[in-house]
Amino acid sequence: MLGWSRGPDKKKELPEVTETSKTLNIETITQGDLTWVNIEYPTPQETEWLARNYQFNQLALDDCLSRKQISKLDVFPGYLFFVFHYPLYHKETRIATKQQWSAFVGENYLVTIHTGEFKTIMALFRDCQTNEESRKEYFGGGSGFLLYRILDRAIDAYFPVLDKILSIMEDLEDVVFDEDIEAAKEISILRRDIITQRAVMFPTRNIFVEMENKLKRFSKVDVSHYYSDLMDHMNKICETLDEAKEIIEVFKDTDFVLATDRVNRVVRVLNIFATITLPFIVVSSIYGMNVHLPGGLTEGRWDTFIVLLLIMVVIICVMLIYFRRRRWI
């Protein structure tokens, strides 16, 4: 639905709400001369509406429908186009997936396009819908400042996820060195999660480097220190993810070494058992042949059998003493 708007647009008339546009998944908020257009679950119908009313580049609109774009910043005459990614953490599977959202930033508008799972945008949009003070605060600095507010909230919402990763790593450290617990699966899950987080946050940080200068012309306030603060937070996040990756790789290597050592100890014991029973096998094989041998039991005598057993026990004891002196056991 085409939604909620307030106040006139002094620089550009907001497109009229037609019967067709009411059926689209589009909501708008207008405060002063700035309009925020929010689109959830975009379809070709929504992008056609944007092309008709804002004359955006068709390739950029196609990128909004694709789920396989890289994070980027494109500069067009009169507006900027962003593709961002954010990690969506699933508590049930303990895995983060990469979600995409896009933004068009112009002199008197901000267009955000996403799948609806980006709760940060929706929370801020609903806040601006219902709270006039929020609208005045967020819209008063221009579209560049409004985009900063979205990104700032998104980064703040990410820190609890990062803290959760660090907490799991602390617990995992004890598990890795506990021989009674298998840690390989937990390490693999966390390692995949960290790799996904890095794949999302590092390209986003590269975009932040360019944003400060590009958004100055779309901001009514000095956004330099705002985006510098965002950059500091992003650097902290990326540094933490780098450290987490190094630590999880150490955990992986340590778990592999310890698991290999456990297997080697089991194999060593089995080899010792196989070796010390070798005299039994050799003697029993020889006397198990269907031929007459000296000392055989054809006559039914048991003294020879007992002597053979004693000889084998002595050989085993000698072997155990030898293994012990060589520190094989």
C-alpha atoms as a PDB file:
ATOM      1  CA  MET A   1       0.000   0.000   0.000  1.00  0.00           C
ATOM      2  CA  LEU A   2       1.058   3.558  -0.618  1.00  0.00           C
ATOM      3  CA  GLY A   3       1.080   4.973   2.784  1.00  0.00           C
ATOM      4  CA  TRP A   4       1.304   7.816   5.051  1.00  0.00           C
ATOM      5  CA  SER A   5       2.571  11.335   4.252  1.00  0.00           C
ATOM      6  CA  ARG A   6       2.622  14.674   6.023  1.00  0.00           C
ATOM      7  CA  GLY A   7       3.457  18.172   4.909  1.00  0.00           C
ATOM      8  CA  PRO A   8       4.024  19.690   1.461  1.00  0.00           C
ATOM      9  CA  ASP A   9       7.095  19.026  -0.689  1.00  0.00           C
ATOM     10  CA  LYS A  10       8.451  22.447  -1.573  1.00  0.00           C
ATOM     11  CA  LYS A  11      11.070  21.379  -4.111  1.00  0.00           C
ATOM     12  CA  LYS A  12       9.330  18.493  -5.830  1.00  0.00           C
ATOM     13  CA  GLU A  13       5.664  17.562  -5.749  1.00  0.00           C
ATOM     14  CA  LEU A  14       5.097  14.151  -4.191  1.00  0.00           C
ATOM     15  CA  PRO A  15       3.522  11.853  -6.807  1.00  0.00           C
ATOM     16  CA  GLU A  16      -0.231  11.758  -6.527  1.00  0.00           C
ATOM     17  CA  VAL A  17      -1.703   8.733  -4.788  1.00  0.00           C
ATOM     18  CA  THR A  18      -3.573   6.913  -7.520  1.00  0.00           C
ATOM     19  CA  GLU A  19      -5.735   3.822  -7.333  1.00  0.00           C
ATOM     20  CA  THR A  20      -2.920   1.836  -8.961  1.00  0.00           C
ATOM     21  CA  SER A  21      -0.245   3.013  -6.534  1.00  0.00           C
ATOM     22  CA  LYS A  22      -2.478   2.153  -3.568  1.00  0.00           C
ATOM     23  CA  THR A  23      -2.066  -1.513  -4.440  1.00  0.00           C
ATOM     24  CA  LEU A  24       1.731  -1.281  -4.364  1.00  0.00           C
ATOM     25  CA  ASN A  25       3.842  -2.158  -1.359  1.00  0.00           C
ATOM     26  CA  ILE A  26       5.004   1.438  -0.917  1.00  0.00           C
ATOM     27  CA  GLU A  27       4.808   3.747   2.093  1.00  0.00           C
ATOM     28  CA  THR A  28       5.856   7.382   2.288  1.00  0.00           C
ATOM     29  CA  ILE A  29       6.483   9.952   4.999  1.00  0.00           C
ATOM     30  CA  THR A  30       6.943  13.641   4.173  1.00  0.00           C
ATOM     31  CA  GLN A  31       8.234  16.222   6.631  1.00  0.00           C
ATOM     32  CA  GLY A  32       8.967  19.685   5.292  1.00  0.00           C
ATOM     33  CA  ASP A  33      10.668  19.291   1.919  1.00  0.00           C
ATOM     34  CA  LEU A  34      11.957  15.741   2.509  1.00  0.00           C
ATOM     35  CA  THR A  35      10.094  12.542   1.594  1.00  0.00           C
ATOM     36  CA  TRP A  36      11.033   9.073   2.744  1.00  0.00           C
ATOM     37  CA  VAL A  37       9.753   6.338   0.441  1.00  0.00           C
ATOM     38  CA  ASN A  38       9.944   2.848   1.944  1.00  0.00           C
ATOM     39  CA  ILE A  39       9.377  -0.294  -0.153  1.00  0.00           C
ATOM     40  CA  GLU A  40       9.183  -3.785   1.307  1.00  0.00           C
ATOM     41  CA  TYR A  41       9.501  -6.924  -0.816  1.00  0.00           C
ATOM     42  CA  PRO A  42       9.993  -5.056  -4.104  1.00  0.00           C
ATOM     43  CA  THR A  43       8.504  -6.378  -7.331  1.00  0.00           C
ATOM     44  CA  PRO A  44       8.750  -5.041 -10.903  1.00  0.00           C
ATOM     45  CA  GLN A  45       5.566  -3.045 -10.219  1.00  0.00           C
ATOM     46  CA  GLU A  46       7.265  -1.036  -7.467  1.00  0.00           C
ATOM     47  CA  THR A  47      10.380  -0.383  -9.561  1.00  0.00           C
ATOM     48  CA  GLU A  48       8.189   0.746 -12.471  1.00  0.00           C
ATOM     49  CA  TRP A  49       6.521   3.214 -10.096  1.00  0.00           C
ATOM     50  CA  LEU A  50       9.953   4.553  -9.092  1.00  0.00           C
ATOM     51  CA  ALA A  51      11.073   4.810 -12.715  1.00  0.00           C
ATOM     52  CA  ARG A  52       7.920   6.709 -13.586  1.00  0.00           C
ATOM     53  CA  ASN A  53       8.011   9.146 -10.687  1.00  0.00           C
ATOM     54  CA  TYR A  54      11.730   9.563  -9.961  1.00  0.00           C
ATOM     55  CA  GLN A  55      13.378   8.634 -13.278  1.00  0.00           C
ATOM     56  CA  PHE A  56      15.965   6.380 -11.630  1.00  0.00           C
ATOM     57  CA  ASN A  57      18.443   4.504 -13.800  1.00  0.00           C
ATOM     58  CA  GLN A  58      16.928   1.213 -14.948  1.00  0.00           C
ATOM     59  CA  LEU A  59      20.073  -0.782 -14.137  1.00  0.00           C
ATOM     60  CA  ALA A  60      19.966   0.510 -10.568  1.00  0.00           C
ATOM     61  CA  LEU A  61      16.297  -0.467 -10.294  1.00  0.00           C
ATOM     62  CA  ASP A  62      17.131  -3.944 -11.598  1.00  0.00           C
ATOM     63  CA  ASP A  63      19.803  -4.216  -8.907  1.00  0.00           C
ATOM     64  CA  CYS A  64      17.106  -3.602  -6.290  1.00  0.00           C
ATOM     65  CA  LEU A  65      15.274  -6.740  -7.434  1.00  0.00           C
ATOM     66  CA  SER A  66      18.390  -8.894  -7.561  1.00  0.00           C
ATOM     67  CA  ARG A  67      19.500 -10.659  -4.383  1.00  0.00           C
ATOM     68  CA  LYS A  68      23.050 -11.245  -5.610  1.00  0.00           C
ATOM     69  CA  GLN A  69      24.479  -7.740  -5.808  1.00  0.00           C
ATOM     70  CA  ILE A  70      27.707  -6.669  -4.154  1.00  0.00           C
ATOM     71  CA  SER A  71      27.816  -3.737  -1.754  1.00  0.00           C
ATOM     72  CA  LYS A  72      28.404  -0.597  -3.789  1.00  0.00           C
ATOM     73  CA  LEU A  73      27.899   3.135  -4.214  1.00  0.00           C
ATOM     74  CA  ASP A  74      26.941   4.488  -7.646  1.00  0.00           C
ATOM     75  CA  VAL A  75      26.856   8.204  -8.426  1.00  0.00           C
ATOM     76  CA  PHE A  76      24.183   9.466 -10.835  1.00  0.00           C
ATOM     77  CA  PRO A  77      23.267  13.035 -11.812  1.00  0.00           C
ATOM     78  CA  GLY A  78      21.128  14.337  -8.977  1.00  0.00           C
ATOM     79  CA  TYR A  79      21.188  11.273  -6.731  1.00  0.00           C
ATOM     80  CA  LEU A  80      23.244   8.457  -5.229  1.00  0.00           C
ATOM     81  CA  PHE A  81      22.445   4.747  -5.301  1.00  0.00           C
ATOM     82  CA  PHE A  82      23.604   2.395  -2.543  1.00  0.00           C
ATOM     83  CA  VAL A  83      23.499  -1.367  -2.178  1.00  0.00           C
ATOM     84  CA  PHE A  84      24.099  -2.457   1.413  1.00  0.00           C
ATOM     85  CA  HIS A  85      24.197  -5.839   3.070  1.00  0.00           C
ATOM     86  CA  TYR A  86      23.570  -6.729   6.682  1.00  0.00           C
ATOM     87  CA  PRO A  87      23.860 -10.012   8.577  1.00  0.00           C
ATOM     88  CA  LEU A  88      20.588 -11.517   9.748  1.00  0.00           C
ATOM     89  CA  TYR A  89      21.234 -13.872  12.666  1.00  0.00           C
ATOM     90  CA  HIS A  90      18.956 -16.898  13.109  1.00  0.00           C
ATOM     91  CA  LYS A  91      18.852 -18.048  16.726  1.00  0.00           C
ATOM     92  CA  GLU A  92      17.497 -21.494  15.888  1.00  0.00           C
ATOM     93  CA  THR A  93      20.302 -22.464  13.521  1.00  0.00           C
ATOM     94  CA  ARG A  94      22.871 -20.070  15.051  1.00  0.00           C
ATOM     95  CA  ILE A  95      23.809 -19.016  11.528  1.00  0.00           C
ATOM     96  CA  ALA A  96      23.876 -15.539   9.982  1.00  0.00           C
ATOM     97  CA  THR A  97      22.656 -15.025   6.428  1.00  0.00           C
ATOM     98  CA  LYS A  98      23.452 -12.085   4.180  1.00  0.00           C
ATOM     99  CA  GLN A  99      20.479  -9.810   3.480  1.00  0.00           C
ATOM    100  CA  GLN A 100      20.425  -6.951   0.991  1.00  0.00           C
ATOM    101  CA  TRP A 101      18.837  -3.526   1.041  1.00  0.00           C
ATOM    102  CA  SER A 102      19.152  -0.570  -1.315  1.00  0.00           C
ATOM    103  CA  ALA A 103      18.787   3.198  -1.038  1.00  0.00           C
ATOM    104  CA  PHE A 104      18.381   6.129  -3.414  1.00  0.00           C
ATOM    105  CA  VAL A 105      19.453   9.448  -1.901  1.00  0.00           C
ATOM    106  CA  GLY A 106      18.396  12.681  -3.597  1.00  0.00           C
ATOM    107  CA  GLU A 107      18.110  16.316  -2.622  1.00  0.00           C
ATOM    108  CA  ASN A 108      14.588  16.025  -1.211  1.00  0.00           C
ATOM    109  CA  TYR A 109      13.965  12.289  -0.941  1.00  0.00           C
ATOM    110  CA  LEU A 110      15.287   9.032   0.461  1.00  0.00           C
ATOM    111  CA  VAL A 111      14.081   5.745  -1.017  1.00  0.00           C
ATOM    112  CA  THR A 112      14.777   2.543   0.918  1.00  0.00           C
ATOM    113  CA  ILE A 113      14.117  -0.879  -0.617  1.00  0.00           C
ATOM    114  CA  HIS A 114      14.391  -4.114   1.355  1.00  0.00           C
ATOM    115  CA  THR A 115      12.761  -7.477   2.036  1.00  0.00           C
ATOM    116  CA  GLY A 116      11.090  -6.437   5.275  1.00  0.00           C
ATOM    117  CA  GLU A 117      13.447  -8.507   7.418  1.00  0.00           C
ATOM    118  CA  PHE A 118      15.613  -5.460   8.115  1.00  0.00           C
ATOM    119  CA  LYS A 119      13.931  -4.556  11.398  1.00  0.00           C
ATOM    120  CA  THR A 120      16.071  -1.452  11.908  1.00  0.00           C
ATOM    121  CA  ILE A 121      14.549   0.346   8.926  1.00  0.00           C
ATOM    122  CA  MET A 122      11.028  -0.688   9.847  1.00  0.00           C
ATOM    123  CA  ALA A 123      11.430   0.392  13.477  1.00  0.00           C
ATOM    124  CA  LEU A 124      12.744   3.822  12.475  1.00  0.00           C
ATOM    125  CA  PHE A 125      10.076   4.225   9.794  1.00  0.00           C
ATOM    126  CA  ARG A 126       7.269   3.409  12.254  1.00  0.00           C
ATOM    127  CA  ASP A 127       8.803   5.779  14.785  1.00  0.00           C
ATOM    128  CA  CYS A 128       8.747   8.595  12.247  1.00  0.00           C
ATOM    129  CA  GLN A 129       5.168   7.729  11.307  1.00  0.00           C
ATOM    130  CA  THR A 130       3.879   8.019  14.854  1.00  0.00           C
ATOM    131  CA  ASN A 131       6.225  10.530  16.476  1.00  0.00           C
ATOM    132  CA  GLU A 132       6.357  14.092  15.197  1.00  0.00           C
ATOM    133  CA  GLU A 133       9.430  14.919  17.273  1.00  0.00           C
ATOM    134  CA  SER A 134      11.311  12.048  15.620  1.00  0.00           C
ATOM    135  CA  ARG A 135      10.274  13.288  12.189  1.00  0.00           C
ATOM    136  CA  LYS A 136      11.540  16.775  12.929  1.00  0.00           C
ATOM    137  CA  GLU A 137      14.809  15.442  14.340  1.00  0.00           C
ATOM    138  CA  TYR A 138      15.579  12.909  11.605  1.00  0.00           C
ATOM    139  CA  PHE A 139      14.190  14.762   8.586  1.00  0.00           C
ATOM    140  CA  GLY A 140      15.536  18.186   9.531  1.00  0.00           C
ATOM    141  CA  GLY A 141      19.098  17.381   8.480  1.00  0.00           C
ATOM    142  CA  GLY A 142      18.269  16.312   4.925  1.00  0.00           C
ATOM    143  CA  SER A 143      18.293  12.937   3.183  1.00  0.00           C
ATOM    144  CA  GLY A 144      21.998  12.362   3.888  1.00  0.00           C
ATOM    145  CA  PHE A 145      21.413  12.823   7.604  1.00  0.00           C
ATOM    146  CA  LEU A 146      18.348  10.547   7.531  1.00  0.00           C
ATOM    147  CA  LEU A 147      20.428   7.807   5.904  1.00  0.00           C
ATOM    148  CA  TYR A 148      23.004   8.277   8.657  1.00  0.00           C
ATOM    149  CA  ARG A 149      20.284   7.696  11.254  1.00  0.00           C
ATOM    150  CA  ILE A 150      19.337   4.395   9.610  1.00  0.00           C
ATOM    151  CA  LEU A 151      22.939   3.215   9.413  1.00  0.00           C
ATOM    152  CA  ASP A 152      23.669   4.322  12.971  1.00  0.00           C
ATOM    153  CA  ARG A 153      20.740   2.291  14.297  1.00  0.00           C
ATOM    154  CA  ALA A 154      21.768  -0.697  12.191  1.00  0.00           C
ATOM    155  CA  ILE A 155      25.301  -0.645  13.594  1.00  0.00           C
ATOM    156  CA  ASP A 156      24.035  -0.230  17.155  1.00  0.00           C
ATOM    157  CA  ALA A 157      21.751  -3.226  16.619  1.00  0.00           C
ATOM    158  CA  TYR A 158      24.699  -5.276  15.367  1.00  0.00           C
ATOM    159  CA  PHE A 159      26.818  -4.955  18.512  1.00  0.00           C
ATOM    160  CA  PRO A 160      24.664  -7.418  20.539  1.00  0.00           C
ATOM    161  CA  VAL A 161      25.216  -9.974  17.757  1.00  0.00           C
ATOM    162  CA  LEU A 162      28.948  -9.357  17.950  1.00  0.00           C
ATOM    163  CA  ASP A 163      28.862  -9.710  21.739  1.00  0.00           C
ATOM    164  CA  LYS A 164      27.021 -13.014  21.333  1.00  0.00           C
ATOM    165  CA  ILE A 165      29.775 -14.312  19.046  1.00  0.00           C
ATOM    166  CA  LEU A 166      32.450 -13.329  21.558  1.00  0.00           C
ATOM    167  CA  SER A 167      30.480 -14.973  24.375  1.00  0.00           C
ATOM    168  CA  ILE A 168      30.193 -18.223  22.417  1.00  0.00           C
ATOM    169  CA  MET A 169      33.924 -18.128  21.737  1.00  0.00           C
ATOM    170  CA  GLU A 170      34.686 -17.815  25.449  1.00  0.00           C
ATOM    171  CA  ASP A 171      32.521 -20.854  26.198  1.00  0.00           C
ATOM    172  CA  LEU A 172      34.032 -22.729  23.279  1.00  0.00           C
ATOM    173  CA  GLU A 173      37.546 -22.276  24.625  1.00  0.00           C
ATOM    174  CA  ASP A 174      36.725 -24.547  27.578  1.00  0.00           C
ATOM    175  CA  VAL A 175      35.014 -27.071  25.315  1.00  0.00           C
ATOM    176  CA  VAL A 176      38.010 -27.352  22.986  1.00  0.00           C
ATOM    177  CA  PHE A 177      40.284 -28.512  25.804  1.00  0.00           C
ATOM    178  CA  ASP A 178      37.710 -30.889  27.305  1.00  0.00           C
ATOM    179  CA  GLU A 179      38.455 -34.372  25.980  1.00  0.00           C
ATOM    180  CA  ASP A 180      34.976 -35.609  26.878  1.00  0.00           C
ATOM    181  CA  ILE A 181      33.194 -33.136  24.562  1.00  0.00           C
ATOM    182  CA  GLU A 182      33.303 -33.072  20.769  1.00  0.00           C
ATOM    183  CA  ALA A 183      33.928 -29.466  19.739  1.00  0.00           C
ATOM    184  CA  ALA A 184      34.375 -29.840  15.976  1.00  0.00           C
ATOM    185  CA  LYS A 185      30.717 -29.150  15.120  1.00  0.00           C
ATOM    186  CA  GLU A 186      30.500 -26.098  17.382  1.00  0.00           C
ATOM    187  CA  ILE A 187      33.727 -24.729  15.928  1.00  0.00           C
ATOM    188  CA  SER A 188      32.480 -25.252  12.362  1.00  0.00           C
ATOM    189  CA  ILE A 189      29.170 -23.482  13.044  1.00  0.00           C
ATOM    190  CA  LEU A 190      30.861 -20.497  14.669  1.00  0.00           C
ATOM    191  CA  ARG A 191      33.565 -20.365  12.009  1.00  0.00           C
ATOM    192  CA  ARG A 192      30.973 -20.242   9.221  1.00  0.00           C
ATOM    193  CA  ASP A 193      29.094 -17.530  11.102  1.00  0.00           C
ATOM    194  CA  ILE A 194      32.215 -15.384  11.480  1.00  0.00           C
ATOM    195  CA  ILE A 195      33.108 -15.815   7.805  1.00  0.00           C
ATOM    196  CA  THR A 196      29.605 -14.678   6.810  1.00  0.00           C
ATOM    197  CA  GLN A 197      29.792 -11.664   9.114  1.00  0.00           C
ATOM    198  CA  ARG A 198      33.141 -10.620   7.639  1.00  0.00           C
ATOM    199  CA  ALA A 199      31.826 -11.037   4.094  1.00  0.00           C
ATOM    200  CA  VAL A 200      29.061  -8.575   4.958  1.00  0.00           C
ATOM    201  CA  MET A 201      30.813  -5.987   7.108  1.00  0.00           C
ATOM    202  CA  PHE A 202      34.101  -5.522   5.258  1.00  0.00           C
ATOM    203  CA  PRO A 203      32.574  -4.405   1.908  1.00  0.00           C
ATOM    204  CA  THR A 204      30.176  -2.161   3.840  1.00  0.00           C
ATOM    205  CA  ARG A 205      33.105  -0.496   5.567  1.00  0.00           C
ATOM    206  CA  ASN A 206      34.622   0.277   2.158  1.00  0.00           C
ATOM    207  CA  ILE A 207      31.428   2.101   1.183  1.00  0.00           C
ATOM    208  CA  PHE A 208      31.503   4.130   4.393  1.00  0.00           C
ATOM    209  CA  VAL A 209      34.886   5.517   3.360  1.00  0.00           C
ATOM    210  CA  GLU A 210      33.262   7.190   0.330  1.00  0.00           C
ATOM    211  CA  MET A 211      29.956   8.179   1.896  1.00  0.00           C
ATOM    212  CA  GLU A 212      31.058  11.195   3.905  1.00  0.00           C
ATOM    213  CA  ASN A 213      32.094  13.326   0.935  1.00  0.00           C
ATOM    214  CA  LYS A 214      29.361  12.073  -1.393  1.00  0.00           C
ATOM    215  CA  LEU A 215      26.496  12.857   1.014  1.00  0.00           C
ATOM    216  CA  LYS A 216      27.521  16.395   1.951  1.00  0.00           C
ATOM    217  CA  ARG A 217      25.445  17.915  -0.849  1.00  0.00           C
ATOM    218  CA  PHE A 218      22.336  16.065   0.371  1.00  0.00           C
ATOM    219  CA  SER A 219      22.698  17.143   4.004  1.00  0.00           C
ATOM    220  CA  LYS A 220      21.625  20.362   5.684  1.00  0.00           C
ATOM    221  CA  VAL A 221      23.978  19.786   8.602  1.00  0.00           C
ATOM    222  CA  ASP A 222      27.658  18.959   8.748  1.00  0.00           C
ATOM    223  CA  VAL A 223      27.632  15.153   8.579  1.00  0.00           C
ATOM    224  CA  SER A 224      31.416  14.769   8.660  1.00  0.00           C
ATOM    225  CA  HIS A 225      31.663  13.942  12.351  1.00  0.00           C
ATOM    226  CA  TYR A 226      28.554  11.733  12.155  1.00  0.00           C
ATOM    227  CA  TYR A 227      29.997   9.522   9.433  1.00  0.00           C
ATOM    228  CA  SER A 228      33.414   9.608  11.088  1.00  0.00           C
ATOM    229  CA  ASP A 229      31.739   8.130  14.151  1.00  0.00           C
ATOM    230  CA  LEU A 230      30.113   5.461  11.978  1.00  0.00           C
ATOM    231  CA  MET A 231      33.486   4.696  10.466  1.00  0.00           C
ATOM    232  CA  ASP A 232      35.035   4.279  13.909  1.00  0.00           C
ATOM    233  CA  HIS A 233      32.312   1.803  14.842  1.00  0.00           C
ATOM    234  CA  MET A 234      32.762  -0.103  11.598  1.00  0.00           C
ATOM    235  CA  ASN A 235      36.521  -0.272  12.116  1.00  0.00           C
ATOM    236  CA  LYS A 236      35.947  -1.642  15.607  1.00  0.00           C
ATOM    237  CA  ILE A 237      33.530  -4.254  14.278  1.00  0.00           C
ATOM    238  CA  CYS A 238      35.888  -5.345  11.503  1.00  0.00           C
ATOM    239  CA  GLU A 239      38.868  -5.513  13.858  1.00  0.00           C
ATOM    240  CA  THR A 240      36.845  -7.621  16.291  1.00  0.00           C
ATOM    241  CA  LEU A 241      35.757  -9.960  13.492  1.00  0.00           C
ATOM    242  CA  ASP A 242      39.376 -10.266  12.367  1.00  0.00           C
ATOM    243  CA  GLU A 243      40.436 -11.214  15.881  1.00  0.00           C
ATOM    244  CA  ALA A 244      37.531 -13.647  16.152  1.00  0.00           C
ATOM    245  CA  LYS A 245      38.549 -15.289  12.890  1.00  0.00           C
ATOM    246  CA  GLU A 246      42.127 -15.716  14.085  1.00  0.00           C
ATOM    247  CA  ILE A 247      40.960 -17.185  17.388  1.00  0.00           C
ATOM    248  CA  ILE A 248      38.505 -19.594  15.774  1.00  0.00           C
ATOM    249  CA  GLU A 249      41.238 -20.783  13.411  1.00  0.00           C
ATOM    250  CA  VAL A 250      43.422 -21.466  16.460  1.00  0.00           C
ATOM    251  CA  PHE A 251      40.520 -23.365  18.044  1.00  0.00           C
ATOM    252  CA  LYS A 252      40.088 -25.379  14.856  1.00  0.00           C
ATOM    253  CA  ASP A 253      43.768 -26.282  14.672  1.00  0.00           C
ATOM    254  CA  THR A 254      43.902 -27.064  18.388  1.00  0.00           C
ATOM    255  CA  ASP A 255      40.831 -29.278  18.215  1.00  0.00           C
ATOM    256  CA  PHE A 256      42.311 -31.107  15.226  1.00  0.00           C
ATOM    257  CA  VAL A 257      45.603 -31.675  17.047  1.00  0.00           C
ATOM    258  CA  LEU A 258      43.865 -32.882  20.211  1.00  0.00           C
ATOM    259  CA  ALA A 259      41.493 -35.116  18.249  1.00  0.00           C
ATOM    260  CA  THR A 260      44.432 -36.572  16.325  1.00  0.00           C
ATOM    261  CA  ASP A 261      46.246 -37.180  19.590  1.00  0.00           C
ATOM    262  CA  ARG A 262      43.202 -38.986  21.015  1.00  0.00           C
ATOM    263  CA  VAL A 263      42.983 -41.180  17.930  1.00  0.00           C
ATOM    264  CA  ASN A 264      46.706 -41.908  18.065  1.00  0.00           C
ATOM    265  CA  ARG A 265      46.427 -42.982  21.689  1.00  0.00           C
ATOM    266  CA  VAL A 266      43.596 -45.352  20.856  1.00  0.00           C
ATOM    267  CA  VAL A 267      45.484 -46.747  17.874  1.00  0.00           C
ATOM    268  CA  ARG A 268      48.596 -47.137  20.016  1.00  0.00           C
ATOM    269  CA  VAL A 269      46.716 -49.199  22.599  1.00  0.00           C
ATOM    270  CA  LEU A 270      45.177 -51.345  19.890  1.00  0.00           C
ATOM    271  CA  ASN A 271      48.581 -51.881  18.307  1.00  0.00           C
ATOM    272  CA  ILE A 272      50.031 -52.905  21.677  1.00  0.00           C
ATOM    273  CA  PHE A 273      47.258 -55.447  22.163  1.00  0.00           C
ATOM    274  CA  ALA A 274      47.820 -56.757  18.661  1.00  0.00           C
ATOM    275  CA  THR A 275      51.569 -56.982  19.231  1.00  0.00           C
ATOM    276  CA  ILE A 276      51.499 -58.719  22.606  1.00  0.00           C
ATOM    277  CA  THR A 277      49.062 -61.316  21.316  1.00  0.00           C
ATOM    278  CA  LEU A 278      51.350 -62.085  18.396  1.00  0.00           C
ATOM    279  CA  PRO A 279      53.170 -64.934  20.256  1.00  0.00           C
ATOM    280  CA  PHE A 280      49.811 -66.606  20.938  1.00  0.00           C
ATOM    281  CA  ILE A 281      48.888 -66.306  17.295  1.00  0.00           C
ATOM    282  CA  VAL A 282      52.199 -67.663  16.015  1.00  0.00           C
ATOM    283  CA  VAL A 283      52.361 -70.643  18.362  1.00  0.00           C
ATOM    284  CA  SER A 284      48.683 -71.498  18.011  1.00  0.00           C
ATOM    285  CA  SER A 285      48.976 -71.280  14.239  1.00  0.00           C
ATOM    286  CA  ILE A 286      51.958 -73.632  14.184  1.00  0.00           C
ATOM    287  CA  TYR A 287      50.378 -76.206  16.459  1.00  0.00           C
ATOM    288  CA  GLY A 288      47.031 -75.795  14.816  1.00  0.00           C
ATOM    289  CA  MET A 289      48.324 -77.311  11.589  1.00  0.00           C
ATOM    290  CA  ASN A 290      47.093 -80.814  10.811  1.00  0.00           C
ATOM    291  CA  VAL A 291      50.575 -82.379  11.169  1.00  0.00           C
ATOM    292  CA  HIS A 292      52.482 -84.146  13.946  1.00  0.00           C
ATOM    293  CA  LEU A 293      54.904 -81.770  15.696  1.00  0.00           C
ATOM    294  CA  PRO A 294      57.271 -82.263  18.625  1.00  0.00           C
ATOM    295  CA  GLY A 295      55.425 -81.491  21.850  1.00  0.00           C
ATOM    296  CA  GLY A 296      52.036 -81.780  20.200  1.00  0.00           C
ATOM    297  CA  LEU A 297      48.937 -82.878  22.086  1.00  0.00           C
ATOM    298  CA  THR A 298      48.281 -85.957  19.973  1.00  0.00           C
ATOM    299  CA  GLU A 299      49.076 -88.133  22.963  1.00  0.00           C
ATOM    300  CA  GLY A 300      46.692 -86.103  25.162  1.00  0.00           C
ATOM    301  CA  ARG A 301      49.424 -84.742  27.481  1.00  0.00           C
ATOM    302  CA  TRP A 302      48.862 -81.279  29.073  1.00  0.00           C
ATOM    303  CA  ASP A 303      52.305 -80.550  30.473  1.00  0.00           C
ATOM    304  CA  THR A 304      53.669 -79.522  27.083  1.00  0.00           C
ATOM    305  CA  PHE A 305      50.689 -77.185  26.566  1.00  0.00           C
ATOM    306  CA  ILE A 306      51.317 -75.521  29.931  1.00  0.00           C
ATOM    307  CA  VAL A 307      54.986 -75.043  29.097  1.00  0.00           C
ATOM    308  CA  LEU A 308      54.020 -73.390  25.815  1.00  0.00           C
ATOM    309  CA  LEU A 309      51.665 -71.018  27.624  1.00  0.00           C
ATOM    310  CA  LEU A 310      54.393 -70.055  30.088  1.00  0.00           C
ATOM    311  CA  ILE A 311      56.813 -69.397  27.244  1.00  0.00           C
ATOM    312  CA  MET A 312      54.271 -67.114  25.560  1.00  0.00           C
ATOM    313  CA  VAL A 313      53.576 -65.224  28.803  1.00  0.00           C
ATOM    314  CA  VAL A 314      57.307 -64.677  29.316  1.00  0.00           C
ATOM    315  CA  ILE A 315      57.635 -63.344  25.773  1.00  0.00           C
ATOM    316  CA  ILE A 316      54.720 -60.953  26.347  1.00  0.00           C
ATOM    317  CA  CYS A 317      56.242 -59.675  29.599  1.00  0.00           C
ATOM    318  CA  VAL A 318      59.568 -59.087  27.875  1.00  0.00           C
ATOM    319  CA  MET A 319      57.786 -57.168  25.108  1.00  0.00           C
ATOM    320  CA  LEU A 320      55.892 -55.000  27.608  1.00  0.00           C
ATOM    321  CA  ILE A 321      59.105 -54.182  29.482  1.00  0.00           C
ATOM    322  CA  TYR A 322      60.792 -53.282  26.200  1.00  0.00           C
ATOM    323  CA  PHE A 323      57.863 -51.052  25.121  1.00  0.00           C
ATOM    324  CA  ARG A 324      57.899 -49.343  28.495  1.00  0.00           C
ATOM    325  CA  ARG A 325      61.624 -48.596  28.368  1.00  0.00           C
ATOM    326  CA  ARG A 326      61.242 -47.170  24.874  1.00  0.00           C
ATOM    327  CA  ARG A 327      58.328 -45.046  26.203  1.00  0.00           C
ATOM    328  CA  TRP A 328      55.948 -46.422  23.645  1.00  0.00           C
ATOM    329  CA  ILE A 329      53.435 -47.052  26.411  1.00  0.00           C
END
